[in-house]
Every structure is written in C-alpha cells, then in structure tokens.
Amino acid sequence: MIVALTGMDGNATVSDLAEDLAMLRVAAGSRVLLVSPNPGAYDPHLYDDLVIDASHRNADAALARAAVIVALVRPAEIEQGRHADFLARLRHAQERNPGARVLVTVAHGSEPLTPHQTGCLLVFVAQIPGARLADTLELDQHGTYHSHHSELELDSRKTAYVLCAPEVRHLYSEVFRGGRSCR
C-alpha cells in the first residue's frame, strides 16, 4: 500500500510522523520503504508498503498514487486562515486520485484545543470531500509526540508497543486497516 503524508509547507513534523508509521509497519512484519521528499530511484515492487513524506509541493505525484493520504495540520495554521493553498493541494490530489482515503490528523501542543480551533478544524475537514478527522497528536515544544492519554491504555500495550505514542499507534491502525500491498 502507498501511504503519503503531507502538511503545510515547512511542517517538519510530517517527516517524523512518516518515520513512526513506517517503523510500526516494519514491526508488524511488512517490508517497507520510507521515501523522502527527494527520493532516488527505487522499485516499489520490492516492498509491501511505501510510506512517503510528501510534505513538499514537488511530491504531489505521490499524493496522486497513494491509497491513503494523511494530512497533518496545526490548529493555529487553520485558525489563522493560512490553509488555502494546502486545501487546494489536497483537493487537486483527490481529483487525480479519487479512490484515496484522506485522513486529517491534528498536531497540537499540550493545551487542549479551544472551541474555535475545533470549529475551524471541522470546517477544514468538511471542505475535503470524503475526508475525515483521524486523530490528534500532542507535540511538546521540541516537536516530539507524546501523550497524556497513555493511562487509558492497557498495561500490556504500554510495554509491548513502546515504539511511539498511543496516538501514533491509533493513527497507524486507521491508516493500515484492511491495507493492501503495493504489488
């Protein structure tokens, strides 16, 4: 399966999230290629899954080939109205690839989202046909994912799946549910 992750220009957390999803997929036993924004030549048939960092405009071809597009947004960018180009880019990808699932993921700090931010995000998602809000990821000031929600997880999951935060594992299950290989 081809999974393309994207965000607004300059959103470095897209690369981190792509790495986390690829790492979880490898841990699940798949042959995975993590593709950078400026990849060299590769044969996609050698892998079960491709996880592509499509965070830059030059990666729009990856969005057109993906089975799943994960759009990572920050509430402040949406709330401040700086999302028009990103929204247009996602819509264009859907026109070129109408079968792709679009999952919008929100990256925010330790403070909960305000009602206004929540409303702005829901309006943003509603403007992308067939898209849905998949999850929220909490980032600390260094851009590292972490969770205050891990106490809700079973102790066995906390120790067995320590590769990344619970929210990333939840997003992983959303992205790869019923996934098919890229062969």
C-alpha atoms as a PDB file:
ATOM      1  CA  MET A   1       0.000   0.000   0.000  1.00  0.00           C
ATOM      2  CA  ILE A   2       1.184   3.521  -0.692  1.00  0.00           C
ATOM      3  CA  VAL A   3       0.688   5.998   2.136  1.00  0.00           C
ATOM      4  CA  ALA A   4       1.566   9.643   1.514  1.00  0.00           C
ATOM      5  CA  LEU A   5       1.897  12.086   4.392  1.00  0.00           C
ATOM      6  CA  THR A   6       1.712  15.781   3.809  1.00  0.00           C
ATOM      7  CA  GLY A   7       1.280  19.044   5.633  1.00  0.00           C
ATOM      8  CA  MET A   8       1.528  22.736   5.053  1.00  0.00           C
ATOM      9  CA  ASP A   9       4.890  23.874   3.705  1.00  0.00           C
ATOM     10  CA  GLY A  10       7.539  23.950   6.379  1.00  0.00           C
ATOM     11  CA  ASN A  11       5.823  21.395   8.627  1.00  0.00           C
ATOM     12  CA  ALA A  12       8.828  19.273   9.664  1.00  0.00           C
ATOM     13  CA  THR A  13       6.708  17.014  11.857  1.00  0.00           C
ATOM     14  CA  VAL A  14       5.438  15.262   8.703  1.00  0.00           C
ATOM     15  CA  SER A  15       8.820  13.523   8.339  1.00  0.00           C
ATOM     16  CA  ASP A  16       8.745  12.369  11.962  1.00  0.00           C
ATOM     17  CA  LEU A  17       5.242  11.002  11.594  1.00  0.00           C
ATOM     18  CA  ALA A  18       6.181   9.192   8.357  1.00  0.00           C
ATOM     19  CA  GLU A  19       9.123   7.578  10.159  1.00  0.00           C
ATOM     20  CA  ASP A  20       6.933   6.490  13.073  1.00  0.00           C
ATOM     21  CA  LEU A  21       4.301   4.926  10.796  1.00  0.00           C
ATOM     22  CA  ALA A  22       6.969   3.155   8.732  1.00  0.00           C
ATOM     23  CA  MET A  23       8.647   1.862  11.900  1.00  0.00           C
ATOM     24  CA  LEU A  24       5.348   0.494  13.219  1.00  0.00           C
ATOM     25  CA  ARG A  25       4.663  -1.158   9.864  1.00  0.00           C
ATOM     26  CA  VAL A  26       8.080  -2.843   9.881  1.00  0.00           C
ATOM     27  CA  ALA A  27       7.437  -4.014  13.452  1.00  0.00           C
ATOM     28  CA  ALA A  28       4.224  -5.590  12.134  1.00  0.00           C
ATOM     29  CA  GLY A  29       6.279  -7.652   9.668  1.00  0.00           C
ATOM     30  CA  SER A  30       5.913  -5.722   6.407  1.00  0.00           C
ATOM     31  CA  ARG A  31       8.697  -4.817   4.010  1.00  0.00           C
ATOM     32  CA  VAL A  32       8.507  -1.023   4.000  1.00  0.00           C
ATOM     33  CA  LEU A  33      10.305   1.692   2.099  1.00  0.00           C
ATOM     34  CA  LEU A  34      10.301   5.124   3.719  1.00  0.00           C
ATOM     35  CA  VAL A  35      10.505   7.583   0.831  1.00  0.00           C
ATOM     36  CA  SER A  36      11.974  11.034   1.450  1.00  0.00           C
ATOM     37  CA  PRO A  37      10.681  14.210  -0.216  1.00  0.00           C
ATOM     38  CA  ASN A  38      13.554  13.984  -2.743  1.00  0.00           C
ATOM     39  CA  PRO A  39      13.896  10.243  -3.391  1.00  0.00           C
ATOM     40  CA  GLY A  40      16.346   8.468  -5.596  1.00  0.00           C
ATOM     41  CA  ALA A  41      15.299   5.640  -7.874  1.00  0.00           C
ATOM     42  CA  TYR A  42      13.560   2.673  -6.259  1.00  0.00           C
ATOM     43  CA  ASP A  43      11.499  -0.340  -7.294  1.00  0.00           C
ATOM     44  CA  PRO A  44       8.166  -0.227  -5.435  1.00  0.00           C
ATOM     45  CA  HIS A  45       7.502  -3.899  -6.236  1.00  0.00           C
ATOM     46  CA  LEU A  46      10.209  -4.955  -3.773  1.00  0.00           C
ATOM     47  CA  TYR A  47       8.137  -3.668  -0.844  1.00  0.00           C
ATOM     48  CA  ASP A  48       4.790  -4.420   0.753  1.00  0.00           C
ATOM     49  CA  ASP A  49       4.244  -0.766   1.630  1.00  0.00           C
ATOM     50  CA  LEU A  50       5.605   2.641   0.719  1.00  0.00           C
ATOM     51  CA  VAL A  51       5.382   5.422   3.293  1.00  0.00           C
ATOM     52  CA  ILE A  52       6.107   8.684   1.519  1.00  0.00           C
ATOM     53  CA  ASP A  53       6.946  12.056   3.026  1.00  0.00           C
ATOM     54  CA  ALA A  54       5.026  14.192   0.515  1.00  0.00           C
ATOM     55  CA  SER A  55       5.334  17.394   2.526  1.00  0.00           C
ATOM     56  CA  HIS A  56       6.727  19.482  -0.338  1.00  0.00           C
ATOM     57  CA  ARG A  57       4.895  20.560  -3.475  1.00  0.00           C
ATOM     58  CA  ASN A  58       7.318  18.597  -5.664  1.00  0.00           C
ATOM     59  CA  ALA A  59       5.822  15.424  -4.141  1.00  0.00           C
ATOM     60  CA  ASP A  60       2.293  15.919  -5.493  1.00  0.00           C
ATOM     61  CA  ALA A  61       2.743  12.887  -7.779  1.00  0.00           C
ATOM     62  CA  ALA A  62       2.971  10.748  -4.627  1.00  0.00           C
ATOM     63  CA  LEU A  63      -0.395  12.074  -3.465  1.00  0.00           C
ATOM     64  CA  ALA A  64      -1.864  11.053  -6.823  1.00  0.00           C
ATOM     65  CA  ARG A  65      -0.663   7.431  -6.331  1.00  0.00           C
ATOM     66  CA  ALA A  66      -1.444   6.955  -2.646  1.00  0.00           C
ATOM     67  CA  ALA A  67      -4.126   4.656  -1.280  1.00  0.00           C
ATOM     68  CA  VAL A  68      -4.149   6.788   1.876  1.00  0.00           C
ATOM     69  CA  ILE A  69      -3.263  10.470   2.219  1.00  0.00           C
ATOM     70  CA  VAL A  70      -2.527  11.628   5.754  1.00  0.00           C
ATOM     71  CA  ALA A  71      -2.796  15.412   6.055  1.00  0.00           C
ATOM     72  CA  LEU A  72      -1.098  16.747   9.175  1.00  0.00           C
ATOM     73  CA  VAL A  73      -2.347  20.171  10.259  1.00  0.00           C
ATOM     74  CA  ARG A  74      -1.693  22.502  13.151  1.00  0.00           C
ATOM     75  CA  PRO A  75      -4.723  24.270  14.636  1.00  0.00           C
ATOM     76  CA  ALA A  76      -3.116  27.723  14.571  1.00  0.00           C
ATOM     77  CA  GLU A  77      -2.423  27.475  10.823  1.00  0.00           C
ATOM     78  CA  ILE A  78      -6.068  26.651  10.151  1.00  0.00           C
ATOM     79  CA  GLU A  79      -7.417  29.161  12.670  1.00  0.00           C
ATOM     80  CA  GLN A  80      -5.326  31.964  11.146  1.00  0.00           C
ATOM     81  CA  GLY A  81      -6.571  31.184   7.636  1.00  0.00           C
ATOM     82  CA  ARG A  82      -3.193  30.171   6.176  1.00  0.00           C
ATOM     83  CA  HIS A  83      -4.531  26.940   4.722  1.00  0.00           C
ATOM     84  CA  ALA A  84      -5.994  27.896   1.326  1.00  0.00           C
ATOM     85  CA  ASP A  85      -3.039  26.565  -0.702  1.00  0.00           C
ATOM     86  CA  PHE A  86      -2.923  23.362   1.336  1.00  0.00           C
ATOM     87  CA  LEU A  87      -6.655  22.813   0.921  1.00  0.00           C
ATOM     88  CA  ALA A  88      -6.342  23.348  -2.842  1.00  0.00           C
ATOM     89  CA  ARG A  89      -3.431  20.893  -2.962  1.00  0.00           C
ATOM     90  CA  LEU A  90      -5.466  18.205  -1.190  1.00  0.00           C
ATOM     91  CA  ARG A  91      -8.470  18.758  -3.452  1.00  0.00           C
ATOM     92  CA  HIS A  92      -6.249  18.554  -6.535  1.00  0.00           C
ATOM     93  CA  ALA A  93      -4.795  15.275  -5.244  1.00  0.00           C
ATOM     94  CA  GLN A  94      -8.331  13.930  -4.821  1.00  0.00           C
ATOM     95  CA  GLU A  95      -9.211  14.916  -8.389  1.00  0.00           C
ATOM     96  CA  ARG A  96      -6.204  12.994  -9.663  1.00  0.00           C
ATOM     97  CA  ASN A  97      -6.743  10.129  -7.209  1.00  0.00           C
ATOM     98  CA  PRO A  98     -10.449   9.822  -6.332  1.00  0.00           C
ATOM     99  CA  GLY A  99     -10.006   6.415  -4.671  1.00  0.00           C
ATOM    100  CA  ALA A 100      -7.611   7.648  -1.992  1.00  0.00           C
ATOM    101  CA  ARG A 101      -8.751   7.840   1.619  1.00  0.00           C
ATOM    102  CA  VAL A 102      -7.907  11.198   3.175  1.00  0.00           C
ATOM    103  CA  LEU A 103      -7.253  11.237   6.906  1.00  0.00           C
ATOM    104  CA  VAL A 104      -6.692  14.604   8.572  1.00  0.00           C
ATOM    105  CA  THR A 105      -4.543  14.488  11.687  1.00  0.00           C
ATOM    106  CA  VAL A 106      -4.139  17.407  14.059  1.00  0.00           C
ATOM    107  CA  ALA A 107      -0.820  18.152  15.768  1.00  0.00           C
ATOM    108  CA  HIS A 108      -1.174  20.423  18.767  1.00  0.00           C
ATOM    109  CA  GLY A 109       0.637  21.355  21.953  1.00  0.00           C
ATOM    110  CA  SER A 110      -0.167  20.245  25.470  1.00  0.00           C
ATOM    111  CA  GLU A 111      -3.034  22.720  25.799  1.00  0.00           C
ATOM    112  CA  PRO A 112      -6.396  21.351  24.690  1.00  0.00           C
ATOM    113  CA  LEU A 113      -7.906  22.738  21.508  1.00  0.00           C
ATOM    114  CA  THR A 114     -10.139  25.751  22.000  1.00  0.00           C
ATOM    115  CA  PRO A 115     -13.735  25.567  20.776  1.00  0.00           C
ATOM    116  CA  HIS A 116     -12.791  27.996  17.984  1.00  0.00           C
ATOM    117  CA  GLN A 117      -9.840  25.854  16.873  1.00  0.00           C
ATOM    118  CA  THR A 118     -12.041  22.755  16.944  1.00  0.00           C
ATOM    119  CA  GLY A 119     -14.641  24.513  14.799  1.00  0.00           C
ATOM    120  CA  CYS A 120     -12.006  25.703  12.313  1.00  0.00           C
ATOM    121  CA  LEU A 121     -10.595  22.187  12.016  1.00  0.00           C
ATOM    122  CA  LEU A 122     -14.013  20.640  11.456  1.00  0.00           C
ATOM    123  CA  VAL A 123     -14.755  23.202   8.737  1.00  0.00           C
ATOM    124  CA  PHE A 124     -11.369  22.457   7.138  1.00  0.00           C
ATOM    125  CA  VAL A 125     -12.065  18.705   7.077  1.00  0.00           C
ATOM    126  CA  ALA A 126     -15.590  19.267   5.735  1.00  0.00           C
ATOM    127  CA  GLN A 127     -14.119  21.096   2.727  1.00  0.00           C
ATOM    128  CA  ILE A 128     -12.282  17.950   1.591  1.00  0.00           C
ATOM    129  CA  PRO A 129     -14.785  15.518   0.042  1.00  0.00           C
ATOM    130  CA  GLY A 130     -14.779  12.158   1.815  1.00  0.00           C
ATOM    131  CA  ALA A 131     -12.046  13.163   4.282  1.00  0.00           C
ATOM    132  CA  ARG A 132     -12.327  12.502   7.954  1.00  0.00           C
ATOM    133  CA  LEU A 133     -10.594  13.643  11.102  1.00  0.00           C
ATOM    134  CA  ALA A 134      -8.485  10.655  12.120  1.00  0.00           C
ATOM    135  CA  ASP A 135      -6.790  11.684  15.341  1.00  0.00           C
ATOM    136  CA  THR A 136      -4.996  14.362  17.281  1.00  0.00           C
ATOM    137  CA  LEU A 137      -1.305  14.128  18.107  1.00  0.00           C
ATOM    138  CA  GLU A 138       0.136  16.024  21.025  1.00  0.00           C
ATOM    139  CA  LEU A 139       3.535  17.613  20.407  1.00  0.00           C
ATOM    140  CA  ASP A 140       5.871  19.037  23.011  1.00  0.00           C
ATOM    141  CA  GLN A 141       7.899  22.211  22.435  1.00  0.00           C
ATOM    142  CA  HIS A 142      10.604  20.161  20.661  1.00  0.00           C
ATOM    143  CA  GLY A 143       8.167  18.661  18.147  1.00  0.00           C
ATOM    144  CA  THR A 144       8.207  15.215  19.770  1.00  0.00           C
ATOM    145  CA  TYR A 145       4.962  13.244  20.033  1.00  0.00           C
ATOM    146  CA  HIS A 146       3.851  12.280  23.493  1.00  0.00           C
ATOM    147  CA  SER A 147       0.630  11.588  25.273  1.00  0.00           C
ATOM    148  CA  HIS A 148      -1.224  12.340  28.446  1.00  0.00           C
ATOM    149  CA  HIS A 149      -3.731   9.707  27.337  1.00  0.00           C
ATOM    150  CA  SER A 150      -1.493   6.683  27.791  1.00  0.00           C
ATOM    151  CA  GLU A 151      -3.072   5.923  31.167  1.00  0.00           C
ATOM    152  CA  LEU A 152      -6.142   4.798  29.195  1.00  0.00           C
ATOM    153  CA  GLU A 153      -4.144   2.034  27.511  1.00  0.00           C
ATOM    154  CA  LEU A 154      -3.826  -1.463  28.892  1.00  0.00           C
ATOM    155  CA  ASP A 155      -0.511  -2.057  30.653  1.00  0.00           C
ATOM    156  CA  SER A 156       0.321  -4.836  28.186  1.00  0.00           C
ATOM    157  CA  ARG A 157       0.082  -2.391  25.267  1.00  0.00           C
ATOM    158  CA  LYS A 158       2.257   0.164  27.050  1.00  0.00           C
ATOM    159  CA  THR A 159       5.151  -2.269  27.311  1.00  0.00           C
ATOM    160  CA  ALA A 160       4.599  -4.279  24.134  1.00  0.00           C
ATOM    161  CA  TYR A 161       4.301  -1.318  21.788  1.00  0.00           C
ATOM    162  CA  VAL A 162       6.710   1.290  23.067  1.00  0.00           C
ATOM    163  CA  LEU A 163       7.854   2.459  19.635  1.00  0.00           C
ATOM    164  CA  CYS A 164       5.792   5.646  19.786  1.00  0.00           C
ATOM    165  CA  ALA A 165       2.920   7.491  21.438  1.00  0.00           C
ATOM    166  CA  PRO A 166      -0.547   5.894  21.696  1.00  0.00           C
ATOM    167  CA  GLU A 167      -1.983   8.453  19.283  1.00  0.00           C
ATOM    168  CA  VAL A 168       0.509   7.451  16.588  1.00  0.00           C
ATOM    169  CA  ARG A 169      -0.358   3.788  17.116  1.00  0.00           C
ATOM    170  CA  HIS A 170      -4.038   4.681  16.782  1.00  0.00           C
ATOM    171  CA  LEU A 171      -3.338   6.587  13.560  1.00  0.00           C
ATOM    172  CA  TYR A 172      -1.346   3.575  12.329  1.00  0.00           C
ATOM    173  CA  SER A 173      -4.371   1.323  12.836  1.00  0.00           C
ATOM    174  CA  GLU A 174      -6.545   3.820  10.937  1.00  0.00           C
ATOM    175  CA  VAL A 175      -4.101   4.120   8.036  1.00  0.00           C
ATOM    176  CA  PHE A 176      -3.399   0.410   7.603  1.00  0.00           C
ATOM    177  CA  ARG A 177      -6.819  -1.038   8.358  1.00  0.00           C
ATOM    178  CA  GLY A 178      -7.572  -3.533   5.619  1.00  0.00           C
ATOM    179  CA  GLY A 179      -4.468  -2.319   3.775  1.00  0.00           C
ATOM    180  CA  ARG A 180      -3.353  -3.925   0.578  1.00  0.00           C
ATOM    181  CA  SER A 181       0.215  -4.183  -0.644  1.00  0.00           C
ATOM    182  CA  CYS A 182       1.638  -2.065  -3.448  1.00  0.00           C
ATOM    183  CA  ARG A 183       2.178  -5.086  -5.654  1.00  0.00           C
END
